[in-house]
Amino acid sequence: MEMLWGAFESGSVQLSVLGLEPGEPIPWWLRVGGIAAAALIVAAFMVIVQTSHSSGQKMAWAAVVLFLPIVGPLIYLISETIRHRRTHPRPTKGRAETMPPEDFQ
């Protein structure tokens, strides 16, 4: 148990999962991916908090976003954009916007 706790404290458990040795630096692509995943999760949680879903739907979406780090936020943000555009269509243009100025009276 002491050996396992010591490995956990030193971070070698997490590094071995990634295939890195304890003294090896973290590659740039892993850092960028981590930052992108964190940004997507924060953005998705901001949208979840601001929408008018029921509390059950909010909890379900929060679980999807949290447990699927990159794919979950993308699925939520795309589906929420589609839902918003269906319920809030773009306004139609009036006569003054569709006709040339000389024809509009």
N, C-alpha and C. Protein backbone atom coordinates (compact mmCIF):
# COMPACT_ATOMS: atom_id res chain seq x y z
N MET A 1 0.82 -1.19 0.00
CA MET A 1 0.00 0.00 0.00
C MET A 1 0.87 1.25 0.00
N GLU A 2 1.94 1.25 0.78
CA GLU A 2 2.85 2.40 0.82
C GLU A 2 3.46 2.66 -0.55
N MET A 3 3.82 1.57 -1.25
CA MET A 3 4.44 1.73 -2.55
C MET A 3 3.45 2.33 -3.56
N LEU A 4 2.21 1.87 -3.51
CA LEU A 4 1.19 2.39 -4.41
C LEU A 4 0.92 3.87 -4.11
N TRP A 5 0.82 4.24 -2.84
CA TRP A 5 0.58 5.63 -2.47
C TRP A 5 1.75 6.51 -2.88
N GLY A 6 2.97 6.01 -2.73
CA GLY A 6 4.15 6.78 -3.14
C GLY A 6 4.17 7.00 -4.64
N ALA A 7 3.77 5.99 -5.41
CA ALA A 7 3.71 6.14 -6.87
C ALA A 7 2.62 7.13 -7.26
N PHE A 8 1.51 7.12 -6.53
CA PHE A 8 0.42 8.04 -6.82
C PHE A 8 0.82 9.47 -6.51
N GLU A 9 1.51 9.67 -5.37
CA GLU A 9 1.93 11.02 -4.99
C GLU A 9 2.95 11.59 -5.96
N SER A 10 3.85 10.76 -6.46
CA SER A 10 4.88 11.27 -7.36
C SER A 10 4.35 11.52 -8.76
N GLY A 11 3.17 11.03 -9.07
CA GLY A 11 2.58 11.26 -10.39
C GLY A 11 2.97 10.21 -11.41
N SER A 12 3.68 9.17 -11.01
CA SER A 12 4.11 8.17 -11.98
C SER A 12 2.94 7.33 -12.48
N VAL A 13 1.86 7.26 -11.71
CA VAL A 13 0.69 6.51 -12.16
C VAL A 13 0.07 7.21 -13.36
N GLN A 14 -0.11 8.52 -13.30
CA GLN A 14 -0.67 9.25 -14.41
C GLN A 14 0.27 9.25 -15.60
N LEU A 15 1.56 9.38 -15.38
CA LEU A 15 2.52 9.41 -16.47
C LEU A 15 2.60 8.06 -17.17
N SER A 16 2.51 6.98 -16.42
CA SER A 16 2.60 5.67 -17.04
C SER A 16 1.37 5.39 -17.91
N VAL A 17 0.24 5.95 -17.57
CA VAL A 17 -0.95 5.79 -18.40
C VAL A 17 -0.73 6.47 -19.75
N LEU A 18 -0.03 7.59 -19.77
CA LEU A 18 0.25 8.31 -21.01
C LEU A 18 1.44 7.75 -21.76
N GLY A 19 2.16 6.82 -21.17
CA GLY A 19 3.33 6.24 -21.82
C GLY A 19 4.58 7.06 -21.63
N LEU A 20 4.62 7.92 -20.61
CA LEU A 20 5.78 8.77 -20.35
C LEU A 20 6.52 8.26 -19.12
N GLU A 21 7.82 8.47 -19.13
CA GLU A 21 8.64 8.15 -17.96
C GLU A 21 8.54 9.30 -16.97
N PRO A 22 8.83 9.07 -15.67
CA PRO A 22 8.68 10.12 -14.65
C PRO A 22 9.47 11.40 -14.91
N GLY A 23 10.64 11.36 -15.55
CA GLY A 23 11.41 12.58 -15.78
C GLY A 23 11.18 13.20 -17.14
N GLU A 24 10.42 12.56 -17.99
CA GLU A 24 10.22 13.00 -19.37
C GLU A 24 9.23 14.17 -19.42
N PRO A 25 9.51 15.20 -20.23
CA PRO A 25 8.59 16.34 -20.33
C PRO A 25 7.31 15.95 -21.09
N ILE A 26 6.26 16.65 -20.80
CA ILE A 26 4.97 16.39 -21.45
C ILE A 26 5.02 17.00 -22.86
N PRO A 27 4.63 16.24 -23.89
CA PRO A 27 4.69 16.77 -25.26
C PRO A 27 3.75 17.95 -25.48
N TRP A 28 4.09 18.78 -26.47
CA TRP A 28 3.31 19.99 -26.74
C TRP A 28 1.88 19.66 -27.15
N TRP A 29 1.68 18.61 -27.93
CA TRP A 29 0.34 18.29 -28.41
C TRP A 29 -0.58 17.87 -27.27
N LEU A 30 0.02 17.28 -26.23
CA LEU A 30 -0.78 16.89 -25.07
C LEU A 30 -1.18 18.11 -24.25
N ARG A 31 -0.28 19.08 -24.17
CA ARG A 31 -0.61 20.34 -23.47
C ARG A 31 -1.70 21.10 -24.20
N VAL A 32 -1.56 21.22 -25.53
CA VAL A 32 -2.56 21.94 -26.33
C VAL A 32 -3.91 21.22 -26.26
N GLY A 33 -3.89 19.89 -26.34
CA GLY A 33 -5.13 19.14 -26.23
C GLY A 33 -5.81 19.31 -24.88
N GLY A 34 -5.00 19.36 -23.82
CA GLY A 34 -5.56 19.57 -22.48
C GLY A 34 -6.18 20.94 -22.33
N ILE A 35 -5.51 21.95 -22.89
CA ILE A 35 -6.05 23.31 -22.82
C ILE A 35 -7.34 23.41 -23.65
N ALA A 36 -7.35 22.78 -24.84
CA ALA A 36 -8.55 22.81 -25.68
C ALA A 36 -9.71 22.09 -25.00
N ALA A 37 -9.43 20.95 -24.38
CA ALA A 37 -10.48 20.21 -23.69
C ALA A 37 -11.04 21.03 -22.53
N ALA A 38 -10.15 21.66 -21.77
CA ALA A 38 -10.60 22.49 -20.64
C ALA A 38 -11.45 23.67 -21.12
N ALA A 39 -11.03 24.30 -22.21
CA ALA A 39 -11.79 25.45 -22.75
C ALA A 39 -13.17 25.01 -23.24
N LEU A 40 -13.24 23.86 -23.90
CA LEU A 40 -14.54 23.37 -24.37
C LEU A 40 -15.46 23.02 -23.21
N ILE A 41 -14.90 22.43 -22.17
CA ILE A 41 -15.72 22.08 -20.99
C ILE A 41 -16.25 23.33 -20.32
N VAL A 42 -15.40 24.34 -20.16
CA VAL A 42 -15.84 25.60 -19.53
C VAL A 42 -16.92 26.26 -20.38
N ALA A 43 -16.72 26.31 -21.70
CA ALA A 43 -17.72 26.93 -22.58
C ALA A 43 -19.05 26.18 -22.52
N ALA A 44 -18.98 24.85 -22.53
CA ALA A 44 -20.22 24.07 -22.47
C ALA A 44 -20.94 24.27 -21.14
N PHE A 45 -20.20 24.32 -20.03
CA PHE A 45 -20.84 24.54 -18.74
C PHE A 45 -21.46 25.94 -18.66
N MET A 46 -20.83 26.93 -19.29
CA MET A 46 -21.41 28.27 -19.31
C MET A 46 -22.75 28.28 -20.05
N VAL A 47 -22.82 27.55 -21.15
CA VAL A 47 -24.07 27.48 -21.91
C VAL A 47 -25.12 26.68 -21.14
N ILE A 48 -24.70 25.59 -20.49
CA ILE A 48 -25.63 24.78 -19.71
C ILE A 48 -26.29 25.61 -18.61
N VAL A 49 -25.50 26.42 -17.93
CA VAL A 49 -26.02 27.23 -16.83
C VAL A 49 -27.00 28.28 -17.35
N GLN A 50 -26.76 28.81 -18.54
CA GLN A 50 -27.59 29.90 -19.06
C GLN A 50 -28.85 29.45 -19.78
N THR A 51 -28.97 28.19 -20.13
CA THR A 51 -30.15 27.73 -20.86
C THR A 51 -31.29 27.42 -19.91
N SER A 52 -32.47 27.26 -20.50
CA SER A 52 -33.67 27.02 -19.69
C SER A 52 -34.07 25.55 -19.70
N HIS A 53 -33.11 24.65 -19.59
CA HIS A 53 -33.41 23.22 -19.47
C HIS A 53 -33.96 22.95 -18.08
N SER A 54 -34.64 21.82 -17.93
CA SER A 54 -35.04 21.39 -16.59
C SER A 54 -33.78 20.93 -15.85
N SER A 55 -33.87 20.80 -14.55
CA SER A 55 -32.68 20.45 -13.77
C SER A 55 -32.18 19.05 -14.13
N GLY A 56 -33.09 18.14 -14.48
CA GLY A 56 -32.68 16.80 -14.89
C GLY A 56 -31.90 16.82 -16.19
N GLN A 57 -32.37 17.64 -17.15
CA GLN A 57 -31.65 17.76 -18.41
C GLN A 57 -30.29 18.40 -18.21
N LYS A 58 -30.23 19.40 -17.34
CA LYS A 58 -28.94 20.05 -17.06
C LYS A 58 -27.95 19.07 -16.45
N MET A 59 -28.43 18.24 -15.53
CA MET A 59 -27.53 17.26 -14.90
C MET A 59 -27.06 16.23 -15.92
N ALA A 60 -27.96 15.80 -16.80
CA ALA A 60 -27.58 14.81 -17.81
C ALA A 60 -26.55 15.39 -18.78
N TRP A 61 -26.78 16.63 -19.24
CA TRP A 61 -25.81 17.25 -20.14
C TRP A 61 -24.49 17.51 -19.43
N ALA A 62 -24.54 17.90 -18.16
CA ALA A 62 -23.30 18.12 -17.41
C ALA A 62 -22.51 16.82 -17.29
N ALA A 63 -23.19 15.70 -17.10
CA ALA A 63 -22.49 14.41 -17.03
C ALA A 63 -21.86 14.06 -18.37
N VAL A 64 -22.59 14.30 -19.46
CA VAL A 64 -22.04 14.02 -20.80
C VAL A 64 -20.80 14.87 -21.05
N VAL A 65 -20.89 16.15 -20.72
CA VAL A 65 -19.77 17.07 -20.94
C VAL A 65 -18.58 16.69 -20.08
N LEU A 66 -18.84 16.30 -18.86
CA LEU A 66 -17.75 16.00 -17.93
C LEU A 66 -17.07 14.67 -18.23
N PHE A 67 -17.83 13.65 -18.61
CA PHE A 67 -17.24 12.32 -18.78
C PHE A 67 -16.74 12.05 -20.20
N LEU A 68 -17.11 12.87 -21.15
CA LEU A 68 -16.56 12.77 -22.51
C LEU A 68 -15.84 14.08 -22.81
N PRO A 69 -14.57 14.21 -22.40
CA PRO A 69 -13.89 15.50 -22.36
C PRO A 69 -13.93 16.35 -23.63
N ILE A 70 -13.69 15.85 -24.80
CA ILE A 70 -13.70 16.69 -25.99
C ILE A 70 -14.97 16.47 -26.79
N VAL A 71 -15.39 15.23 -26.92
CA VAL A 71 -16.57 14.90 -27.73
C VAL A 71 -17.85 15.39 -27.06
N GLY A 72 -17.96 15.27 -25.75
CA GLY A 72 -19.16 15.69 -25.03
C GLY A 72 -19.49 17.16 -25.20
N PRO A 73 -18.53 18.07 -24.94
CA PRO A 73 -18.84 19.49 -25.15
C PRO A 73 -19.17 19.82 -26.60
N LEU A 74 -18.49 19.17 -27.55
CA LEU A 74 -18.80 19.43 -28.96
C LEU A 74 -20.21 18.98 -29.30
N ILE A 75 -20.61 17.81 -28.82
CA ILE A 75 -21.97 17.32 -29.06
C ILE A 75 -22.99 18.29 -28.46
N TYR A 76 -22.75 18.73 -27.23
CA TYR A 76 -23.69 19.63 -26.58
C TYR A 76 -23.78 20.96 -27.30
N LEU A 77 -22.64 21.56 -27.62
CA LEU A 77 -22.66 22.88 -28.26
C LEU A 77 -23.29 22.82 -29.64
N ILE A 78 -23.04 21.78 -30.40
CA ILE A 78 -23.66 21.65 -31.73
C ILE A 78 -25.17 21.43 -31.60
N SER A 79 -25.58 20.54 -30.69
CA SER A 79 -27.01 20.28 -30.55
C SER A 79 -27.75 21.49 -30.00
N GLU A 80 -27.12 22.24 -29.12
CA GLU A 80 -27.75 23.45 -28.58
C GLU A 80 -27.86 24.54 -29.64
N THR A 81 -26.88 24.64 -30.52
CA THR A 81 -26.94 25.61 -31.62
C THR A 81 -28.07 25.25 -32.57
N ILE A 82 -28.21 23.97 -32.90
CA ILE A 82 -29.29 23.52 -33.79
C ILE A 82 -30.65 23.78 -33.15
N ARG A 83 -30.79 23.47 -31.86
CA ARG A 83 -32.06 23.71 -31.16
C ARG A 83 -32.40 25.19 -31.13
N HIS A 84 -31.42 26.03 -30.86
CA HIS A 84 -31.66 27.47 -30.79
C HIS A 84 -32.07 28.03 -32.15
N ARG A 85 -31.43 27.57 -33.22
CA ARG A 85 -31.78 28.07 -34.55
C ARG A 85 -33.16 27.59 -35.00
N ARG A 86 -33.58 26.41 -34.53
CA ARG A 86 -34.93 25.94 -34.87
C ARG A 86 -36.00 26.76 -34.16
N THR A 87 -35.75 27.11 -32.91
CA THR A 87 -36.77 27.84 -32.14
C THR A 87 -36.70 29.35 -32.37
N HIS A 88 -35.59 29.87 -32.86
CA HIS A 88 -35.43 31.30 -33.11
C HIS A 88 -34.96 31.52 -34.55
N PRO A 89 -35.88 31.43 -35.52
CA PRO A 89 -35.45 31.63 -36.91
C PRO A 89 -35.05 33.08 -37.16
N ARG A 90 -34.28 33.26 -38.19
CA ARG A 90 -33.85 34.62 -38.54
C ARG A 90 -35.05 35.42 -39.02
N PRO A 91 -35.11 36.70 -38.67
CA PRO A 91 -36.25 37.50 -39.12
C PRO A 91 -36.21 37.70 -40.64
N THR A 92 -37.39 37.77 -41.23
CA THR A 92 -37.45 38.00 -42.68
C THR A 92 -37.24 39.47 -42.96
N LYS A 93 -36.73 39.76 -44.15
CA LYS A 93 -36.49 41.15 -44.53
C LYS A 93 -37.78 41.79 -45.00
N GLY A 94 -37.90 43.06 -44.71
CA GLY A 94 -39.07 43.82 -45.14
C GLY A 94 -38.91 44.33 -46.56
N ARG A 95 -39.92 45.06 -47.03
CA ARG A 95 -39.88 45.59 -48.40
C ARG A 95 -38.72 46.53 -48.61
N ALA A 96 -38.40 47.34 -47.64
CA ALA A 96 -37.34 48.33 -47.80
C ALA A 96 -35.97 47.66 -47.93
N GLU A 97 -35.83 46.48 -47.41
CA GLU A 97 -34.54 45.79 -47.47
C GLU A 97 -34.39 44.92 -48.71
N THR A 98 -35.49 44.55 -49.33
CA THR A 98 -35.41 43.66 -50.49
C THR A 98 -35.53 44.38 -51.82
N MET A 99 -36.00 45.62 -51.80
CA MET A 99 -36.21 46.37 -53.04
C MET A 99 -35.14 47.45 -53.18
N PRO A 100 -34.81 47.82 -54.41
CA PRO A 100 -33.88 48.94 -54.59
C PRO A 100 -34.56 50.24 -54.15
N PRO A 101 -33.79 51.24 -53.71
CA PRO A 101 -34.39 52.46 -53.17
C PRO A 101 -35.31 53.21 -54.14
N GLU A 102 -35.03 53.16 -55.44
CA GLU A 102 -35.87 53.89 -56.40
C GLU A 102 -37.25 53.24 -56.58
N ASP A 103 -37.37 51.94 -56.31
CA ASP A 103 -38.68 51.27 -56.45
C ASP A 103 -39.52 51.35 -55.19
N PHE A 104 -38.93 51.64 -54.06
CA PHE A 104 -39.66 51.67 -52.78
C PHE A 104 -40.34 53.01 -52.59
N GLN A 105 -41.65 53.00 -52.38
CA GLN A 105 -42.37 54.26 -52.15
C GLN A 105 -43.24 54.16 -50.94
